[in-house]
Amino acid sequence: MFFDARGVSVVMETVQIRLTERQIRNIDVLVKKGVYPNRSEAVRDAVRKLVDIGME
């Protein structure tokens, strides 16, 4: 189960994406540094930021 910033549970769908090896390595570095708990959260955060910029 996932929760939004307000603590409300949200339903998530699975989306398949393709990334370059370099992109995956960079995401793995962020995970290893503890910036994100896992690859999925890193990608979700990137998508949230992109959508926020696009909605301005």
PDB file of N, CA and C in Angstrom:
ATOM      1  N   MET A   1       0.845  -1.174   0.000  1.00  0.00           N
ATOM      2  CA  MET A   1       0.000   0.000   0.000  1.00  0.00           C
ATOM      3  C   MET A   1       0.888   1.233   0.000  1.00  0.00           C
ATOM      4  N   PHE A   2       0.493   2.233  -0.756  1.00  0.00           N
ATOM      5  CA  PHE A   2       1.243   3.468  -0.856  1.00  0.00           C
ATOM      6  C   PHE A   2       0.405   4.613  -0.315  1.00  0.00           C
ATOM      7  N   PHE A   3       1.082   5.635   0.183  1.00  0.00           N
ATOM      8  CA  PHE A   3       0.413   6.794   0.758  1.00  0.00           C
ATOM      9  C   PHE A   3       0.954   8.064   0.126  1.00  0.00           C
ATOM     10  N   ASP A   4       0.079   9.045  -0.070  1.00  0.00           N
ATOM     11  CA  ASP A   4       0.536  10.322  -0.606  1.00  0.00           C
ATOM     12  C   ASP A   4       1.108  11.172   0.523  1.00  0.00           C
ATOM     13  N   ALA A   5       1.481  12.408   0.219  1.00  0.00           N
ATOM     14  CA  ALA A   5       2.123  13.289   1.201  1.00  0.00           C
ATOM     15  C   ALA A   5       1.223  13.576   2.398  1.00  0.00           C
ATOM     16  N   ARG A   6      -0.087  13.430   2.212  1.00  0.00           N
ATOM     17  CA  ARG A   6      -1.030  13.680   3.309  1.00  0.00           C
ATOM     18  C   ARG A   6      -1.316  12.435   4.123  1.00  0.00           C
ATOM     19  N   GLY A   7      -0.720  11.299   3.704  1.00  0.00           N
ATOM     20  CA  GLY A   7      -0.950  10.051   4.418  1.00  0.00           C
ATOM     21  C   GLY A   7      -2.168   9.290   3.936  1.00  0.00           C
ATOM     22  N   VAL A   8      -2.739   9.717   2.824  1.00  0.00           N
ATOM     23  CA  VAL A   8      -3.909   9.056   2.252  1.00  0.00           C
ATOM     24  C   VAL A   8      -3.429   7.927   1.338  1.00  0.00           C
ATOM     25  N   SER A   9      -4.035   6.744   1.476  1.00  0.00           N
ATOM     26  CA  SER A   9      -3.607   5.622   0.633  1.00  0.00           C
ATOM     27  C   SER A   9      -4.000   5.872  -0.815  1.00  0.00           C
ATOM     28  N   VAL A  10      -3.124   5.471  -1.722  1.00  0.00           N
ATOM     29  CA  VAL A  10      -3.371   5.649  -3.156  1.00  0.00           C
ATOM     30  C   VAL A  10      -3.100   4.330  -3.876  1.00  0.00           C
ATOM     31  N   VAL A  11      -3.807   4.128  -4.975  1.00  0.00           N
ATOM     32  CA  VAL A  11      -3.611   2.946  -5.800  1.00  0.00           C
ATOM     33  C   VAL A  11      -2.587   3.300  -6.876  1.00  0.00           C
ATOM     34  N   MET A  12      -1.597   2.425  -7.060  1.00  0.00           N
ATOM     35  CA  MET A  12      -0.578   2.670  -8.075  1.00  0.00           C
ATOM     36  C   MET A  12      -0.684   1.612  -9.154  1.00  0.00           C
ATOM     37  N   GLU A  13      -0.437   2.034 -10.384  1.00  0.00           N
ATOM     38  CA  GLU A  13      -0.396   1.111 -11.515  1.00  0.00           C
ATOM     39  C   GLU A  13       1.056   0.846 -11.870  1.00  0.00           C
ATOM     40  N   THR A  14       1.299  -0.277 -12.502  1.00  0.00           N
ATOM     41  CA  THR A  14       2.629  -0.627 -12.967  1.00  0.00           C
ATOM     42  C   THR A  14       2.816  -0.126 -14.388  1.00  0.00           C
ATOM     43  N   VAL A  15       3.962   0.517 -14.635  1.00  0.00           N
ATOM     44  CA  VAL A  15       4.300   1.016 -15.959  1.00  0.00           C
ATOM     45  C   VAL A  15       5.695   0.512 -16.301  1.00  0.00           C
ATOM     46  N   GLN A  16       5.826  -0.110 -17.450  1.00  0.00           N
ATOM     47  CA  GLN A  16       7.134  -0.594 -17.871  1.00  0.00           C
ATOM     48  C   GLN A  16       7.858   0.510 -18.625  1.00  0.00           C
ATOM     49  N   ILE A  17       9.119   0.763 -18.251  1.00  0.00           N
ATOM     50  CA  ILE A  17       9.923   1.762 -18.960  1.00  0.00           C
ATOM     51  C   ILE A  17      11.266   1.145 -19.336  1.00  0.00           C
ATOM     52  N   ARG A  18      11.919   1.756 -20.287  1.00  0.00           N
ATOM     53  CA  ARG A  18      13.258   1.330 -20.677  1.00  0.00           C
ATOM     54  C   ARG A  18      14.213   2.478 -20.390  1.00  0.00           C
ATOM     55  N   LEU A  19      15.301   2.153 -19.718  1.00  0.00           N
ATOM     56  CA  LEU A  19      16.320   3.144 -19.386  1.00  0.00           C
ATOM     57  C   LEU A  19      17.671   2.660 -19.886  1.00  0.00           C
ATOM     58  N   THR A  20      18.568   3.601 -20.122  1.00  0.00           N
ATOM     59  CA  THR A  20      19.912   3.215 -20.528  1.00  0.00           C
ATOM     60  C   THR A  20      20.652   2.636 -19.325  1.00  0.00           C
ATOM     61  N   GLU A  21      21.731   1.915 -19.594  1.00  0.00           N
ATOM     62  CA  GLU A  21      22.541   1.372 -18.501  1.00  0.00           C
ATOM     63  C   GLU A  21      23.067   2.500 -17.624  1.00  0.00           C
ATOM     64  N   ARG A  22      23.447   3.600 -18.244  1.00  0.00           N
ATOM     65  CA  ARG A  22      23.966   4.746 -17.479  1.00  0.00           C
ATOM     66  C   ARG A  22      22.896   5.313 -16.534  1.00  0.00           C
ATOM     67  N   GLN A  23      21.676   5.446 -17.036  1.00  0.00           N
ATOM     68  CA  GLN A  23      20.591   5.953 -16.186  1.00  0.00           C
ATOM     69  C   GLN A  23      20.363   5.023 -14.997  1.00  0.00           C
ATOM     70  N   ILE A  24      20.375   3.732 -15.251  1.00  0.00           N
ATOM     71  CA  ILE A  24      20.173   2.761 -14.174  1.00  0.00           C
ATOM     72  C   ILE A  24      21.316   2.839 -13.162  1.00  0.00           C
ATOM     73  N   ARG A  25      22.547   2.933 -13.651  1.00  0.00           N
ATOM     74  CA  ARG A  25      23.697   3.060 -12.740  1.00  0.00           C
ATOM     75  C   ARG A  25      23.563   4.307 -11.875  1.00  0.00           C
ATOM     76  N   ASN A  26      23.153   5.419 -12.487  1.00  0.00           N
ATOM     77  CA  ASN A  26      22.995   6.667 -11.726  1.00  0.00           C
ATOM     78  C   ASN A  26      21.899   6.535 -10.669  1.00  0.00           C
ATOM     79  N   ILE A  27      20.806   5.895 -11.022  1.00  0.00           N
ATOM     80  CA  ILE A  27      19.737   5.658 -10.043  1.00  0.00           C
ATOM     81  C   ILE A  27      20.258   4.774  -8.918  1.00  0.00           C
ATOM     82  N   ASP A  28      21.009   3.739  -9.270  1.00  0.00           N
ATOM     83  CA  ASP A  28      21.563   2.841  -8.251  1.00  0.00           C
ATOM     84  C   ASP A  28      22.515   3.572  -7.304  1.00  0.00           C
ATOM     85  N   VAL A  29      23.261   4.543  -7.822  1.00  0.00           N
ATOM     86  CA  VAL A  29      24.134   5.348  -6.957  1.00  0.00           C
ATOM     87  C   VAL A  29      23.292   6.125  -5.949  1.00  0.00           C
ATOM     88  N   LEU A  30      22.200   6.707  -6.404  1.00  0.00           N
ATOM     89  CA  LEU A  30      21.323   7.455  -5.492  1.00  0.00           C
ATOM     90  C   LEU A  30      20.734   6.537  -4.425  1.00  0.00           C
ATOM     91  N   VAL A  31      20.377   5.324  -4.814  1.00  0.00           N
ATOM     92  CA  VAL A  31      19.838   4.358  -3.855  1.00  0.00           C
ATOM     93  C   VAL A  31      20.929   3.958  -2.857  1.00  0.00           C
ATOM     94  N   LYS A  32      22.111   3.694  -3.367  1.00  0.00           N
ATOM     95  CA  LYS A  32      23.218   3.286  -2.490  1.00  0.00           C
ATOM     96  C   LYS A  32      23.582   4.388  -1.492  1.00  0.00           C
ATOM     97  N   LYS A  33      23.479   5.648  -1.927  1.00  0.00           N
ATOM     98  CA  LYS A  33      23.767   6.785  -1.044  1.00  0.00           C
ATOM     99  C   LYS A  33      22.650   7.015  -0.025  1.00  0.00           C
ATOM    100  N   GLY A  34      21.521   6.359  -0.225  1.00  0.00           N
ATOM    101  CA  GLY A  34      20.399   6.521   0.691  1.00  0.00           C
ATOM    102  C   GLY A  34      19.468   7.662   0.341  1.00  0.00           C
ATOM    103  N   VAL A  35      19.670   8.252  -0.848  1.00  0.00           N
ATOM    104  CA  VAL A  35      18.780   9.336  -1.286  1.00  0.00           C
ATOM    105  C   VAL A  35      17.371   8.789  -1.493  1.00  0.00           C
ATOM    106  N   TYR A  36      17.290   7.575  -2.031  1.00  0.00           N
ATOM    107  CA  TYR A  36      16.019   6.896  -2.240  1.00  0.00           C
ATOM    108  C   TYR A  36      16.125   5.486  -1.683  1.00  0.00           C
ATOM    109  N   PRO A  37      15.015   4.923  -1.226  1.00  0.00           N
ATOM    110  CA  PRO A  37      15.064   3.562  -0.685  1.00  0.00           C
ATOM    111  C   PRO A  37      15.201   2.484  -1.765  1.00  0.00           C
ATOM    112  N   ASN A  38      14.789   2.815  -2.994  1.00  0.00           N
ATOM    113  CA  ASN A  38      14.840   1.838  -4.075  1.00  0.00           C
ATOM    114  C   ASN A  38      14.695   2.545  -5.422  1.00  0.00           C
ATOM    115  N   ARG A  39      14.890   1.789  -6.492  1.00  0.00           N
ATOM    116  CA  ARG A  39      14.792   2.359  -7.841  1.00  0.00           C
ATOM    117  C   ARG A  39      13.412   2.934  -8.118  1.00  0.00           C
ATOM    118  N   SER A  40      12.382   2.214  -7.709  1.00  0.00           N
ATOM    119  CA  SER A  40      11.013   2.657  -7.994  1.00  0.00           C
ATOM    120  C   SER A  40      10.731   4.031  -7.412  1.00  0.00           C
ATOM    121  N   GLU A  41      11.155   4.246  -6.179  1.00  0.00           N
ATOM    122  CA  GLU A  41      10.894   5.547  -5.557  1.00  0.00           C
ATOM    123  C   GLU A  41      11.684   6.646  -6.252  1.00  0.00           C
ATOM    124  N   ALA A  42      12.894   6.350  -6.709  1.00  0.00           N
ATOM    125  CA  ALA A  42      13.680   7.335  -7.447  1.00  0.00           C
ATOM    126  C   ALA A  42      12.963   7.742  -8.741  1.00  0.00           C
ATOM    127  N   VAL A  43      12.441   6.754  -9.461  1.00  0.00           N
ATOM    128  CA  VAL A  43      11.732   7.050 -10.711  1.00  0.00           C
ATOM    129  C   VAL A  43      10.436   7.791 -10.424  1.00  0.00           C
ATOM    130  N   ARG A  44       9.694   7.374  -9.397  1.00  0.00           N
ATOM    131  CA  ARG A  44       8.445   8.078  -9.047  1.00  0.00           C
ATOM    132  C   ARG A  44       8.728   9.540  -8.725  1.00  0.00           C
ATOM    133  N   ASP A  45       9.792   9.801  -7.975  1.00  0.00           N
ATOM    134  CA  ASP A  45      10.125  11.182  -7.618  1.00  0.00           C
ATOM    135  C   ASP A  45      10.481  11.990  -8.861  1.00  0.00           C
ATOM    136  N   ALA A  46      11.236  11.382  -9.774  1.00  0.00           N
ATOM    137  CA  ALA A  46      11.591  12.076 -11.013  1.00  0.00           C
ATOM    138  C   ALA A  46      10.340  12.418 -11.827  1.00  0.00           C
ATOM    139  N   VAL A  47       9.402  11.473 -11.896  1.00  0.00           N
ATOM    140  CA  VAL A  47       8.161  11.709 -12.635  1.00  0.00           C
ATOM    141  C   VAL A  47       7.345  12.808 -11.961  1.00  0.00           C
ATOM    142  N   ARG A  48       7.246  12.767 -10.632  1.00  0.00           N
ATOM    143  CA  ARG A  48       6.514  13.831  -9.912  1.00  0.00           C
ATOM    144  C   ARG A  48       7.100  15.194 -10.236  1.00  0.00           C
ATOM    145  N   LYS A  49       8.418  15.303 -10.198  1.00  0.00           N
ATOM    146  CA  LYS A  49       9.081  16.589 -10.475  1.00  0.00           C
ATOM    147  C   LYS A  49       8.835  17.036 -11.915  1.00  0.00           C
ATOM    148  N   LEU A  50       8.908  16.111 -12.861  1.00  0.00           N
ATOM    149  CA  LEU A  50       8.660  16.448 -14.261  1.00  0.00           C
ATOM    150  C   LEU A  50       7.230  16.926 -14.465  1.00  0.00           C
ATOM    151  N   VAL A  51       6.285  16.245 -13.860  1.00  0.00           N
ATOM    152  CA  VAL A  51       4.875  16.624 -13.986  1.00  0.00           C
ATOM    153  C   VAL A  51       4.647  17.989 -13.347  1.00  0.00           C
ATOM    154  N   ASP A  52       5.236  18.236 -12.185  1.00  0.00           N
ATOM    155  CA  ASP A  52       5.084  19.544 -11.531  1.00  0.00           C
ATOM    156  C   ASP A  52       5.586  20.669 -12.429  1.00  0.00           C
ATOM    157  N   ILE A  53       6.751  20.459 -13.060  1.00  0.00           N
ATOM    158  CA  ILE A  53       7.311  21.477 -13.954  1.00  0.00           C
ATOM    159  C   ILE A  53       6.389  21.676 -15.150  1.00  0.00           C
ATOM    160  N   GLY A  54       5.870  20.596 -15.704  1.00  0.00           N
ATOM    161  CA  GLY A  54       5.004  20.677 -16.872  1.00  0.00           C
ATOM    162  C   GLY A  54       3.660  21.323 -16.588  1.00  0.00           C
ATOM    163  N   MET A  55       3.239  21.293 -15.324  1.00  0.00           N
ATOM    164  CA  MET A  55       1.929  21.851 -14.961  1.00  0.00           C
ATOM    165  C   MET A  55       2.013  23.323 -14.603  1.00  0.00           C
ATOM    166  N   GLU A  56       3.216  23.891 -14.568  1.00  0.00           N
ATOM    167  CA  GLU A  56       3.347  25.323 -14.215  1.00  0.00           C
ATOM    168  C   GLU A  56       2.866  26.210 -15.317  1.00  0.00           C
TER     169      GLU A  56
END
